[in-house]
């Protein structure tokens, strides 16, 4: 009798695990996921854009810990937009690294930023699950572009890279999970 192999579907597991974390923890995880994507692409992101992304991520971590949009976060976000706009030429089509950073900051700080700017319009929030999927997809496409072969080889490289990114995200979530009590 042939045994059936059980396959763990990491993106589904990640989605379920992220659904169990509180809002603050999800914000920190989103920032960590974006930092990991930046680290992978480090050699391809303009130095000034990378520095602005990293400052924005650190400022967002601080804001989440404090529970308010700090002047540091507001300044870092404006600096990120200015630097990315200068390098990419259009605020609406930010460099990938800057775009992922902006999305990650939205996961953890959107409501704080709206309150700090007295911006009452409630925009829809992106969830940590949404961002995790977006980063997996982005990393998959990035690796596929670098695969020297075409067709199935590129699709396989993209699928493998998405899976590896999901695995890293699950591992990171588990490694950073605080002990109960």
N, C-alpha and C. Protein backbone atom coordinates (compact mmCIF):
# COMPACT_ATOMS: atom_id res chain seq x y z
N UNK A 1 0.84 -1.17 0.00
CA UNK A 1 0.00 0.00 0.00
C UNK A 1 0.89 1.25 0.00
N UNK A 2 0.61 2.16 -0.89
CA UNK A 2 1.39 3.37 -1.03
C UNK A 2 0.94 4.41 -0.02
N UNK A 3 1.92 5.03 0.67
CA UNK A 3 1.58 6.07 1.63
C UNK A 3 1.40 7.39 0.91
N UNK A 4 0.42 8.12 1.35
CA UNK A 4 0.17 9.43 0.78
C UNK A 4 1.05 10.45 1.50
N UNK A 5 1.75 11.26 0.76
CA UNK A 5 2.59 12.29 1.36
C UNK A 5 1.73 13.46 1.82
N UNK A 6 2.04 13.94 2.99
CA UNK A 6 1.36 15.11 3.52
C UNK A 6 2.24 16.32 3.24
N UNK A 7 1.68 17.34 2.66
CA UNK A 7 2.42 18.54 2.33
C UNK A 7 1.92 19.69 3.18
N UNK A 8 2.83 20.36 3.83
CA UNK A 8 2.47 21.54 4.60
C UNK A 8 2.42 22.71 3.63
N UNK A 9 1.30 23.37 3.59
CA UNK A 9 1.14 24.53 2.72
C UNK A 9 1.51 25.76 3.56
N UNK A 10 2.76 26.18 3.43
CA UNK A 10 3.28 27.24 4.28
C UNK A 10 2.50 28.55 4.19
N UNK A 11 2.12 29.02 3.01
CA UNK A 11 1.35 30.26 2.99
C UNK A 11 0.04 30.16 3.78
N UNK A 12 -0.61 29.02 3.74
CA UNK A 12 -1.85 28.84 4.51
C UNK A 12 -1.55 28.82 6.00
N UNK A 13 -0.49 28.09 6.39
CA UNK A 13 -0.07 28.04 7.79
C UNK A 13 0.27 29.45 8.28
N UNK A 14 1.02 30.19 7.49
CA UNK A 14 1.39 31.56 7.85
C UNK A 14 0.15 32.42 8.04
N UNK A 15 -0.78 32.33 7.10
CA UNK A 15 -2.02 33.10 7.19
C UNK A 15 -2.75 32.79 8.49
N UNK A 16 -2.84 31.51 8.83
CA UNK A 16 -3.52 31.10 10.07
C UNK A 16 -2.78 31.63 11.30
N UNK A 17 -1.47 31.51 11.31
CA UNK A 17 -0.69 31.98 12.45
C UNK A 17 -0.79 33.50 12.61
N UNK A 18 -0.71 34.21 11.50
CA UNK A 18 -0.81 35.67 11.57
C UNK A 18 -2.19 36.12 12.03
N UNK A 19 -3.19 35.31 11.74
CA UNK A 19 -4.54 35.63 12.20
C UNK A 19 -4.69 35.55 13.71
N UNK A 20 -3.72 34.95 14.39
CA UNK A 20 -3.78 34.79 15.84
C UNK A 20 -2.96 35.83 16.61
N UNK A 21 -2.18 36.63 15.92
CA UNK A 21 -1.36 37.61 16.62
C UNK A 21 -2.12 38.92 16.78
N UNK A 22 -1.78 39.66 17.82
CA UNK A 22 -2.48 40.93 18.03
C UNK A 22 -1.98 41.98 17.03
N UNK A 23 -2.67 43.10 17.01
CA UNK A 23 -2.41 44.14 16.01
C UNK A 23 -0.98 44.70 16.10
N UNK A 24 -0.51 44.92 17.32
CA UNK A 24 0.85 45.46 17.50
C UNK A 24 1.89 44.47 16.99
N UNK A 25 1.72 43.22 17.35
CA UNK A 25 2.66 42.18 16.92
C UNK A 25 2.64 42.05 15.39
N UNK A 26 1.45 42.09 14.81
CA UNK A 26 1.33 42.02 13.35
C UNK A 26 2.07 43.20 12.70
N UNK A 27 1.99 44.37 13.31
CA UNK A 27 2.70 45.53 12.78
C UNK A 27 4.20 45.32 12.79
N UNK A 28 4.73 44.82 13.91
CA UNK A 28 6.17 44.55 13.99
C UNK A 28 6.58 43.48 12.97
N UNK A 29 5.78 42.43 12.86
CA UNK A 29 6.10 41.36 11.90
C UNK A 29 6.10 41.89 10.46
N UNK A 30 5.13 42.73 10.12
CA UNK A 30 5.08 43.30 8.77
C UNK A 30 6.36 44.09 8.48
N UNK A 31 6.81 44.85 9.45
CA UNK A 31 8.06 45.61 9.27
C UNK A 31 9.25 44.68 9.10
N UNK A 32 9.27 43.60 9.87
CA UNK A 32 10.34 42.61 9.74
C UNK A 32 10.31 41.94 8.37
N UNK A 33 9.12 41.62 7.88
CA UNK A 33 8.99 40.98 6.56
C UNK A 33 9.51 41.92 5.47
N UNK A 34 9.17 43.20 5.58
CA UNK A 34 9.66 44.17 4.59
C UNK A 34 11.18 44.31 4.67
N UNK A 35 11.72 44.31 5.89
CA UNK A 35 13.18 44.39 6.04
C UNK A 35 13.86 43.20 5.38
N UNK A 36 13.27 42.02 5.52
CA UNK A 36 13.85 40.82 4.90
C UNK A 36 13.85 40.96 3.37
N UNK A 37 12.76 41.47 2.81
CA UNK A 37 12.70 41.68 1.36
C UNK A 37 13.75 42.70 0.92
N UNK A 38 13.95 43.74 1.71
CA UNK A 38 14.99 44.72 1.40
C UNK A 38 16.38 44.07 1.44
N UNK A 39 16.60 43.23 2.45
CA UNK A 39 17.90 42.55 2.57
C UNK A 39 18.19 41.69 1.35
N UNK A 40 17.17 41.01 0.85
CA UNK A 40 17.35 40.15 -0.33
C UNK A 40 17.74 40.97 -1.54
N UNK A 41 17.15 42.15 -1.69
CA UNK A 41 17.39 42.99 -2.87
C UNK A 41 18.44 44.06 -2.64
N UNK A 42 19.17 43.98 -1.57
CA UNK A 42 20.05 45.05 -1.13
C UNK A 42 20.95 45.61 -2.22
N UNK A 43 21.54 44.78 -3.02
CA UNK A 43 22.46 45.26 -4.05
C UNK A 43 21.78 46.01 -5.19
N UNK A 44 20.48 45.91 -5.28
CA UNK A 44 19.77 46.53 -6.41
C UNK A 44 18.99 47.78 -6.04
N UNK A 45 18.89 48.06 -4.77
CA UNK A 45 18.14 49.25 -4.34
C UNK A 45 19.15 50.37 -4.11
N UNK A 46 18.87 51.51 -4.70
CA UNK A 46 19.73 52.68 -4.56
C UNK A 46 20.01 52.94 -3.08
N UNK A 47 21.25 53.27 -2.77
CA UNK A 47 21.70 53.43 -1.39
C UNK A 47 20.84 54.41 -0.59
N UNK A 48 20.50 55.55 -1.21
CA UNK A 48 19.71 56.56 -0.50
C UNK A 48 18.28 56.07 -0.26
N UNK A 49 17.74 55.32 -1.19
CA UNK A 49 16.41 54.75 -1.01
C UNK A 49 16.46 53.71 0.11
N UNK A 50 17.49 52.86 0.10
CA UNK A 50 17.64 51.84 1.14
C UNK A 50 17.75 52.49 2.52
N UNK A 51 18.56 53.52 2.64
CA UNK A 51 18.72 54.20 3.94
C UNK A 51 17.40 54.80 4.40
N UNK A 52 16.65 55.40 3.50
CA UNK A 52 15.36 55.99 3.85
C UNK A 52 14.36 54.89 4.26
N UNK A 53 14.40 53.76 3.56
CA UNK A 53 13.52 52.64 3.91
C UNK A 53 13.84 52.13 5.31
N UNK A 54 15.11 51.92 5.59
CA UNK A 54 15.51 51.38 6.89
C UNK A 54 15.18 52.35 8.03
N UNK A 55 15.37 53.64 7.80
CA UNK A 55 15.02 54.63 8.83
C UNK A 55 13.51 54.61 9.07
N UNK A 56 12.75 54.51 8.02
CA UNK A 56 11.29 54.47 8.15
C UNK A 56 10.84 53.23 8.91
N UNK A 57 11.45 52.09 8.63
CA UNK A 57 11.10 50.86 9.34
C UNK A 57 11.45 50.96 10.83
N UNK A 58 12.62 51.51 11.14
CA UNK A 58 13.00 51.66 12.55
C UNK A 58 12.06 52.63 13.27
N UNK A 59 11.73 53.73 12.60
CA UNK A 59 10.82 54.71 13.20
C UNK A 59 9.43 54.10 13.42
N UNK A 60 9.00 53.25 12.50
CA UNK A 60 7.69 52.60 12.64
C UNK A 60 7.70 51.60 13.80
N UNK A 61 8.78 50.84 13.97
CA UNK A 61 8.91 49.95 15.13
C UNK A 61 8.76 50.75 16.42
N UNK A 62 9.46 51.89 16.47
CA UNK A 62 9.41 52.75 17.66
C UNK A 62 7.99 53.27 17.90
N UNK A 63 7.33 53.70 16.84
CA UNK A 63 5.96 54.23 16.96
C UNK A 63 5.00 53.15 17.47
N UNK A 64 5.14 51.94 16.98
CA UNK A 64 4.28 50.86 17.44
C UNK A 64 4.53 50.59 18.92
N UNK A 65 5.79 50.57 19.33
CA UNK A 65 6.10 50.36 20.75
C UNK A 65 5.49 51.45 21.62
N UNK A 66 5.54 52.71 21.14
CA UNK A 66 5.03 53.83 21.92
C UNK A 66 3.51 54.01 21.78
N UNK A 67 2.95 53.44 20.72
CA UNK A 67 1.51 53.57 20.50
C UNK A 67 1.08 54.89 19.89
N UNK A 68 2.01 55.59 19.26
CA UNK A 68 1.67 56.87 18.61
C UNK A 68 2.64 57.16 17.47
N UNK A 69 2.15 57.92 16.52
CA UNK A 69 2.99 58.32 15.39
C UNK A 69 3.93 59.41 15.89
N UNK A 70 5.17 59.07 16.01
CA UNK A 70 6.18 60.01 16.53
C UNK A 70 6.62 60.97 15.43
N UNK A 71 7.16 62.13 15.82
CA UNK A 71 7.72 63.03 14.80
C UNK A 71 8.77 62.32 13.95
N UNK A 72 9.53 61.41 14.57
CA UNK A 72 10.54 60.66 13.82
C UNK A 72 9.90 59.87 12.69
N UNK A 73 8.76 59.22 12.96
CA UNK A 73 8.08 58.45 11.92
C UNK A 73 7.55 59.36 10.82
N UNK A 74 6.93 60.47 11.20
CA UNK A 74 6.38 61.40 10.21
C UNK A 74 7.49 61.93 9.30
N UNK A 75 8.62 62.29 9.90
CA UNK A 75 9.75 62.80 9.11
C UNK A 75 10.35 61.70 8.24
N UNK A 76 10.48 60.49 8.79
CA UNK A 76 11.07 59.39 8.02
C UNK A 76 10.19 59.03 6.83
N UNK A 77 8.88 59.06 7.03
CA UNK A 77 7.97 58.73 5.93
C UNK A 77 8.06 59.79 4.83
N UNK A 78 8.10 61.05 5.20
CA UNK A 78 8.23 62.12 4.20
C UNK A 78 9.56 62.02 3.46
N UNK A 79 10.61 61.72 4.20
CA UNK A 79 11.93 61.57 3.58
C UNK A 79 11.94 60.39 2.60
N UNK A 80 11.29 59.30 2.99
CA UNK A 80 11.20 58.15 2.10
C UNK A 80 10.49 58.51 0.80
N UNK A 81 9.35 59.20 0.92
CA UNK A 81 8.63 59.61 -0.29
C UNK A 81 9.49 60.52 -1.16
N UNK A 82 10.18 61.46 -0.54
CA UNK A 82 11.00 62.41 -1.30
C UNK A 82 12.14 61.69 -2.01
N UNK A 83 12.84 60.80 -1.32
CA UNK A 83 13.97 60.09 -1.91
C UNK A 83 13.49 59.15 -3.01
N UNK A 84 12.43 58.39 -2.74
CA UNK A 84 11.93 57.45 -3.75
C UNK A 84 11.41 58.20 -4.97
N UNK A 85 10.76 59.32 -4.75
CA UNK A 85 10.24 60.11 -5.87
C UNK A 85 11.38 60.63 -6.73
N UNK A 86 12.45 61.06 -6.09
CA UNK A 86 13.60 61.58 -6.83
C UNK A 86 14.24 60.48 -7.67
N UNK A 87 14.34 59.26 -7.12
CA UNK A 87 14.99 58.17 -7.85
C UNK A 87 14.07 57.50 -8.85
N UNK A 88 12.79 57.46 -8.53
CA UNK A 88 11.85 56.78 -9.42
C UNK A 88 11.06 57.74 -10.29
N UNK A 89 11.04 59.01 -9.92
CA UNK A 89 10.39 60.02 -10.74
C UNK A 89 8.89 60.13 -10.55
N UNK A 90 8.29 59.32 -9.73
CA UNK A 90 6.84 59.36 -9.57
C UNK A 90 6.47 58.80 -8.21
N UNK A 91 5.82 59.60 -7.40
CA UNK A 91 5.43 59.18 -6.05
C UNK A 91 4.47 58.00 -6.08
N UNK A 92 3.70 57.85 -7.13
CA UNK A 92 2.73 56.75 -7.21
C UNK A 92 3.35 55.44 -7.67
N UNK A 93 4.54 55.48 -8.23
CA UNK A 93 5.20 54.23 -8.62
C UNK A 93 6.54 54.15 -7.91
N UNK A 94 6.47 54.01 -6.58
CA UNK A 94 7.67 53.97 -5.76
C UNK A 94 8.54 52.78 -6.12
N UNK A 95 9.82 52.92 -5.87
CA UNK A 95 10.74 51.80 -6.03
C UNK A 95 10.21 50.64 -5.20
N UNK A 96 10.45 49.42 -5.65
CA UNK A 96 9.91 48.25 -4.97
C UNK A 96 10.23 48.27 -3.48
N UNK A 97 11.46 48.53 -3.12
CA UNK A 97 11.83 48.56 -1.71
C UNK A 97 11.04 49.61 -0.96
N UNK A 98 10.91 50.78 -1.54
CA UNK A 98 10.16 51.85 -0.89
C UNK A 98 8.68 51.49 -0.83
N UNK A 99 8.17 50.90 -1.88
CA UNK A 99 6.76 50.51 -1.89
C UNK A 99 6.43 49.49 -0.82
N UNK A 100 7.29 48.49 -0.66
CA UNK A 100 7.07 47.49 0.40
C UNK A 100 7.19 48.12 1.77
N UNK A 101 8.11 49.07 1.92
CA UNK A 101 8.26 49.76 3.20
C UNK A 101 7.01 50.54 3.53
N UNK A 102 6.49 51.27 2.57
CA UNK A 102 5.26 52.04 2.78
C UNK A 102 4.12 51.12 3.18
N UNK A 103 3.99 49.99 2.50
CA UNK A 103 2.93 49.03 2.82
C UNK A 103 3.10 48.48 4.24
N UNK A 104 4.33 48.14 4.61
CA UNK A 104 4.58 47.60 5.95
C UNK A 104 4.25 48.63 7.03
N UNK A 105 4.62 49.87 6.79
CA UNK A 105 4.30 50.94 7.75
C UNK A 105 2.78 51.09 7.87
N UNK A 106 2.08 50.95 6.77
CA UNK A 106 0.61 51.03 6.82
C UNK A 106 0.03 49.93 7.70
N UNK A 107 0.61 48.72 7.66
CA UNK A 107 0.09 47.62 8.49
C UNK A 107 0.12 48.02 9.96
N UNK A 108 1.25 48.55 10.41
CA UNK A 108 1.41 48.82 11.83
C UNK A 108 1.03 50.21 12.30
N UNK A 109 1.00 51.18 11.39
CA UNK A 109 0.90 52.57 11.84
C UNK A 109 -0.17 53.41 11.14
N UNK A 110 -0.95 52.84 10.25
CA UNK A 110 -1.87 53.66 9.45
C UNK A 110 -2.80 54.51 10.30
N UNK A 111 -3.45 53.91 11.28
CA UNK A 111 -4.40 54.68 12.11
C UNK A 111 -3.67 55.77 12.90
N UNK A 112 -2.48 55.45 13.41
CA UNK A 112 -1.70 56.45 14.14
C UNK A 112 -1.32 57.61 13.23
N UNK A 113 -0.93 57.29 12.01
CA UNK A 113 -0.55 58.34 11.06
C UNK A 113 -1.75 59.21 10.69
N UNK A 114 -2.92 58.59 10.51
CA UNK A 114 -4.12 59.36 10.20
C UNK A 114 -4.46 60.32 11.33
N UNK A 115 -4.36 59.83 12.57
CA UNK A 115 -4.65 60.67 13.73
C UNK A 115 -3.64 61.80 13.87
N UNK A 116 -2.37 61.49 13.67
CA UNK A 116 -1.31 62.50 13.80
C UNK A 116 -1.46 63.60 12.75
N UNK A 117 -1.93 63.23 11.60
CA UNK A 117 -2.09 64.21 10.52
C UNK A 117 -3.51 64.76 10.46
N UNK A 118 -4.31 64.39 11.48
CA UNK A 118 -5.72 64.79 11.55
C UNK A 118 -6.42 64.49 10.23
N UNK A 119 -6.08 63.36 9.71
CA UNK A 119 -6.64 62.88 8.45
C UNK A 119 -7.75 61.91 8.79
N UNK A 120 -8.98 62.38 8.76
CA UNK A 120 -10.10 61.60 9.25
C UNK A 120 -10.54 60.52 8.27
N UNK A 121 -10.22 60.69 7.00
CA UNK A 121 -10.64 59.70 6.02
C UNK A 121 -10.04 58.33 6.36
N UNK A 122 -10.87 57.38 6.64
CA UNK A 122 -10.42 56.04 7.00
C UNK A 122 -10.19 55.23 5.74
N UNK A 123 -8.91 55.00 5.46
CA UNK A 123 -8.58 54.17 4.30
C UNK A 123 -8.61 52.72 4.72
N UNK A 124 -8.78 51.85 3.78
CA UNK A 124 -8.79 50.43 4.12
C UNK A 124 -7.38 50.03 4.53
N UNK A 125 -7.33 49.23 5.56
CA UNK A 125 -6.03 48.79 6.06
C UNK A 125 -5.56 47.57 5.32
N UNK A 126 -4.29 47.52 5.11
CA UNK A 126 -3.67 46.32 4.58
C UNK A 126 -3.33 45.47 5.80
N UNK A 127 -3.52 44.18 5.70
CA UNK A 127 -3.22 43.29 6.82
C UNK A 127 -1.82 42.72 6.68
N UNK A 128 -1.32 42.18 7.76
CA UNK A 128 -0.01 41.53 7.71
C UNK A 128 -0.06 40.33 6.75
N UNK A 129 -1.20 39.64 6.71
CA UNK A 129 -1.35 38.52 5.78
C UNK A 129 -1.24 39.00 4.33
N UNK A 130 -1.90 40.14 4.04
CA UNK A 130 -1.83 40.71 2.69
C UNK A 130 -0.39 41.04 2.32
N UNK A 131 0.30 41.69 3.24
CA UNK A 131 1.68 42.08 2.97
C UNK A 131 2.58 40.86 2.80
N UNK A 132 2.40 39.84 3.63
CA UNK A 132 3.21 38.62 3.51
C UNK A 132 3.04 38.01 2.12
N UNK A 133 1.80 37.92 1.65
CA UNK A 133 1.54 37.38 0.30
C UNK A 133 2.18 38.25 -0.77
N UNK A 134 2.06 39.57 -0.61
CA UNK A 134 2.64 40.50 -1.59
C UNK A 134 4.16 40.33 -1.66
N UNK A 135 4.78 40.20 -0.51
CA UNK A 135 6.24 40.03 -0.47
C UNK A 135 6.63 38.68 -1.09
N UNK A 136 5.88 37.63 -0.78
CA UNK A 136 6.16 36.32 -1.38
C UNK A 136 6.10 36.42 -2.90
N UNK A 137 5.07 37.06 -3.40
CA UNK A 137 4.89 37.22 -4.84
C UNK A 137 6.03 38.05 -5.44
N UNK A 138 6.38 39.13 -4.78
CA UNK A 138 7.44 40.01 -5.25
C UNK A 138 8.77 39.27 -5.31
N UNK A 139 9.09 38.53 -4.26
CA UNK A 139 10.35 37.78 -4.22
C UNK A 139 10.34 36.70 -5.30
N UNK A 140 9.20 36.04 -5.51
CA UNK A 140 9.10 35.04 -6.56
C UNK A 140 9.37 35.63 -7.94
N UNK A 141 8.76 36.77 -8.22
CA UNK A 141 8.97 37.43 -9.51
C UNK A 141 10.42 37.88 -9.66
N UNK A 142 10.99 38.38 -8.57
CA UNK A 142 12.38 38.85 -8.59
C UNK A 142 13.33 37.71 -8.93
N UNK A 143 13.13 36.55 -8.28
CA UNK A 143 14.00 35.40 -8.59
C UNK A 143 13.77 34.88 -10.00
N UNK A 144 12.53 34.88 -10.46
CA UNK A 144 12.24 34.39 -11.81
C UNK A 144 12.96 35.24 -12.86
N UNK A 145 13.03 36.55 -12.62
CA UNK A 145 13.73 37.44 -13.55
C UNK A 145 15.21 37.09 -13.65
N UNK A 146 15.75 36.54 -12.59
CA UNK A 146 17.17 36.23 -12.55
C UNK A 146 17.49 34.80 -12.95
N UNK A 147 16.47 34.04 -13.29
CA UNK A 147 16.67 32.66 -13.72
C UNK A 147 17.07 32.68 -15.19
N UNK A 148 18.21 32.06 -15.52
CA UNK A 148 18.71 32.15 -16.89
C UNK A 148 17.85 31.41 -17.91
N UNK A 149 17.00 30.50 -17.48
CA UNK A 149 16.18 29.74 -18.41
C UNK A 149 14.81 30.39 -18.58
N UNK A 150 14.03 29.83 -19.45
CA UNK A 150 12.70 30.39 -19.70
C UNK A 150 11.63 29.38 -19.39
N UNK A 151 10.38 29.80 -19.50
CA UNK A 151 9.23 28.92 -19.37
C UNK A 151 9.10 28.27 -18.02
N UNK A 152 9.05 26.94 -18.02
CA UNK A 152 8.83 26.18 -16.80
C UNK A 152 9.91 26.43 -15.76
N UNK A 153 11.16 26.61 -16.19
CA UNK A 153 12.25 26.86 -15.25
C UNK A 153 12.00 28.15 -14.46
N UNK A 154 11.55 29.18 -15.14
CA UNK A 154 11.27 30.45 -14.46
C UNK A 154 10.08 30.31 -13.51
N UNK A 155 9.05 29.62 -13.96
CA UNK A 155 7.88 29.41 -13.09
C UNK A 155 8.27 28.59 -11.87
N UNK A 156 9.11 27.59 -12.09
CA UNK A 156 9.57 26.77 -10.97
C UNK A 156 10.41 27.61 -10.00
N UNK A 157 11.30 28.46 -10.54
CA UNK A 157 12.12 29.33 -9.69
C UNK A 157 11.24 30.28 -8.89
N UNK A 158 10.22 30.83 -9.52
CA UNK A 158 9.31 31.75 -8.83
C UNK A 158 8.54 31.02 -7.73
N UNK A 159 8.03 29.85 -8.05
CA UNK A 159 7.27 29.06 -7.08
C UNK A 159 8.15 28.69 -5.89
N UNK A 160 9.38 28.27 -6.17
CA UNK A 160 10.33 27.90 -5.12
C UNK A 160 10.68 29.10 -4.25
N UNK A 161 10.91 30.24 -4.87
CA UNK A 161 11.26 31.45 -4.12
C UNK A 161 10.09 31.90 -3.24
N UNK A 162 8.86 31.82 -3.76
CA UNK A 162 7.68 32.17 -2.95
C UNK A 162 7.59 31.26 -1.74
N UNK A 163 7.81 29.96 -1.96
CA UNK A 163 7.74 28.99 -0.87
C UNK A 163 8.82 29.28 0.17
N UNK A 164 10.05 29.55 -0.29
CA UNK A 164 11.15 29.84 0.63
C UNK A 164 10.88 31.11 1.44
N UNK A 165 10.29 32.11 0.80
CA UNK A 165 9.96 33.34 1.53
C UNK A 165 8.88 33.05 2.57
N UNK A 166 7.87 32.27 2.22
CA UNK A 166 6.83 31.89 3.19
C UNK A 166 7.46 31.12 4.35
N UNK A 167 8.40 30.24 4.03
CA UNK A 167 9.07 29.48 5.08
C UNK A 167 9.83 30.42 6.02
N UNK A 168 10.56 31.37 5.44
CA UNK A 168 11.28 32.33 6.28
C UNK A 168 10.30 33.09 7.17
N UNK A 169 9.18 33.52 6.60
CA UNK A 169 8.19 34.28 7.38
C UNK A 169 7.64 33.45 8.53
N UNK A 170 7.30 32.18 8.28
CA UNK A 170 6.80 31.30 9.34
C UNK A 170 7.87 31.13 10.41
N UNK A 171 9.10 30.85 10.00
CA UNK A 171 10.18 30.67 10.96
C UNK A 171 10.41 31.92 11.80
N UNK A 172 10.36 33.07 11.14
CA UNK A 172 10.57 34.33 11.86
C UNK A 172 9.46 34.56 12.87
N UNK A 173 8.24 34.30 12.47
CA UNK A 173 7.11 34.45 13.39
C UNK A 173 7.30 33.55 14.61
N UNK A 174 7.65 32.31 14.39
CA UNK A 174 7.82 31.36 15.49
C UNK A 174 9.03 31.74 16.36
N UNK A 175 10.14 32.12 15.72
CA UNK A 175 11.34 32.48 16.48
C UNK A 175 11.13 33.70 17.36
N UNK A 176 10.29 34.62 16.93
CA UNK A 176 10.11 35.87 17.67
C UNK A 176 8.87 35.85 18.56
N UNK A 177 8.15 34.76 18.54
CA UNK A 177 6.93 34.67 19.36
C UNK A 177 7.30 34.67 20.84
N UNK A 178 6.73 35.61 21.60
CA UNK A 178 7.04 35.63 23.03
C UNK A 178 6.43 34.42 23.75
N UNK A 179 7.11 33.98 24.77
CA UNK A 179 6.61 32.86 25.58
C UNK A 179 5.35 33.30 26.33
N UNK A 180 4.40 32.41 26.50
CA UNK A 180 3.19 32.77 27.23
C UNK A 180 3.52 33.11 28.69
N UNK A 181 2.76 34.07 29.22
CA UNK A 181 2.93 34.43 30.63
C UNK A 181 4.15 35.24 30.80
